[in-house]
């Protein structure tokens, strides 16, 4: 929950509502998919203006089991 609050606070601090977030894989997927959606509900910054970038050193399609983007879609 602390990480999700931190992300939401940083997004809220963005003056124009634009916010960029780099998402890595591993244990971060479960943490963010569980705690970020409820935290976003209290955020004045519209998530529609957020830019999400999947940080992954592997070059695999989203449906591949090692895909970071795919891991967030499944969760």
Protein backbone atom coordinates (compact mmCIF):
# COMPACT_ATOMS: atom_id res chain seq x y z
CA UNK A 1 0.00 0.00 0.00
CA UNK A 2 2.87 2.39 0.69
CA UNK A 3 4.24 2.13 -2.83
CA UNK A 4 0.80 2.69 -4.33
CA UNK A 5 0.31 5.78 -2.14
CA UNK A 6 3.72 7.07 -3.24
CA UNK A 7 2.83 6.64 -6.92
CA UNK A 8 -0.50 8.42 -6.44
CA UNK A 9 1.14 11.27 -4.50
CA UNK A 10 3.71 11.78 -7.26
CA UNK A 11 0.96 11.72 -9.89
CA UNK A 12 -1.04 14.29 -7.91
CA UNK A 13 2.03 16.52 -7.70
CA UNK A 14 2.21 16.70 -11.50
CA UNK A 15 0.94 20.18 -12.28
CA UNK A 16 -0.76 19.42 -15.59
CA UNK A 17 -2.03 15.94 -14.65
CA UNK A 18 0.46 14.19 -16.91
CA UNK A 19 2.44 11.49 -15.16
CA UNK A 20 4.87 8.87 -16.46
CA UNK A 21 5.41 5.57 -14.67
CA UNK A 22 7.88 2.85 -15.60
CA UNK A 23 6.62 -0.60 -14.66
CA UNK A 24 9.02 -3.47 -14.16
CA UNK A 25 8.08 -7.09 -13.70
CA UNK A 26 8.71 -9.57 -10.92
CA UNK A 27 7.09 -9.04 -7.53
CA UNK A 28 6.13 -5.48 -8.46
CA UNK A 29 3.33 -6.79 -10.69
CA UNK A 30 1.40 -8.29 -7.78
CA UNK A 31 2.03 -5.30 -5.50
CA UNK A 32 0.82 -2.71 -7.97
CA UNK A 33 -2.10 -4.65 -9.41
CA UNK A 34 -3.40 -5.24 -5.89
CA UNK A 35 -2.80 -1.85 -4.28
CA UNK A 36 -2.70 0.75 -7.06
CA UNK A 37 -6.34 0.59 -8.26
CA UNK A 38 -7.80 1.43 -4.80
CA UNK A 39 -5.18 4.16 -4.30
CA UNK A 40 -6.01 5.72 -7.67
CA UNK A 41 -9.62 6.21 -6.58
CA UNK A 42 -8.42 8.84 -4.11
CA UNK A 43 -6.17 10.57 -6.64
CA UNK A 44 -7.20 13.89 -8.15
CA UNK A 45 -4.93 13.27 -11.16
CA UNK A 46 -6.82 11.40 -13.87
CA UNK A 47 -5.08 8.09 -14.68
CA UNK A 48 -6.18 8.58 -18.29
CA UNK A 49 -3.38 11.19 -18.53
CA UNK A 50 -0.75 8.79 -17.21
CA UNK A 51 1.88 7.28 -19.49
CA UNK A 52 2.72 3.71 -18.50
CA UNK A 53 5.96 2.27 -19.86
CA UNK A 54 6.81 -1.38 -19.42
CA UNK A 55 10.49 -1.74 -18.52
CA UNK A 56 11.66 -5.12 -19.70
CA UNK A 57 15.04 -6.24 -20.89
CA UNK A 58 13.51 -9.11 -22.87
CA UNK A 59 12.08 -8.62 -26.33
CA UNK A 60 9.06 -10.90 -26.30
CA UNK A 61 5.44 -10.44 -27.41
CA UNK A 62 2.83 -9.57 -24.72
CA UNK A 63 1.39 -13.10 -24.78
CA UNK A 64 4.78 -14.65 -23.93
CA UNK A 65 5.07 -15.89 -20.29
CA UNK A 66 8.16 -13.68 -19.75
CA UNK A 67 6.43 -10.48 -20.90
CA UNK A 68 6.11 -7.71 -18.33
CA UNK A 69 3.23 -6.10 -20.24
CA UNK A 70 1.50 -9.47 -20.38
CA UNK A 71 1.94 -9.99 -16.64
CA UNK A 72 0.10 -6.72 -15.92
CA UNK A 73 -2.69 -7.61 -18.36
CA UNK A 74 -3.27 -10.99 -16.72
CA UNK A 75 -3.23 -9.65 -13.16
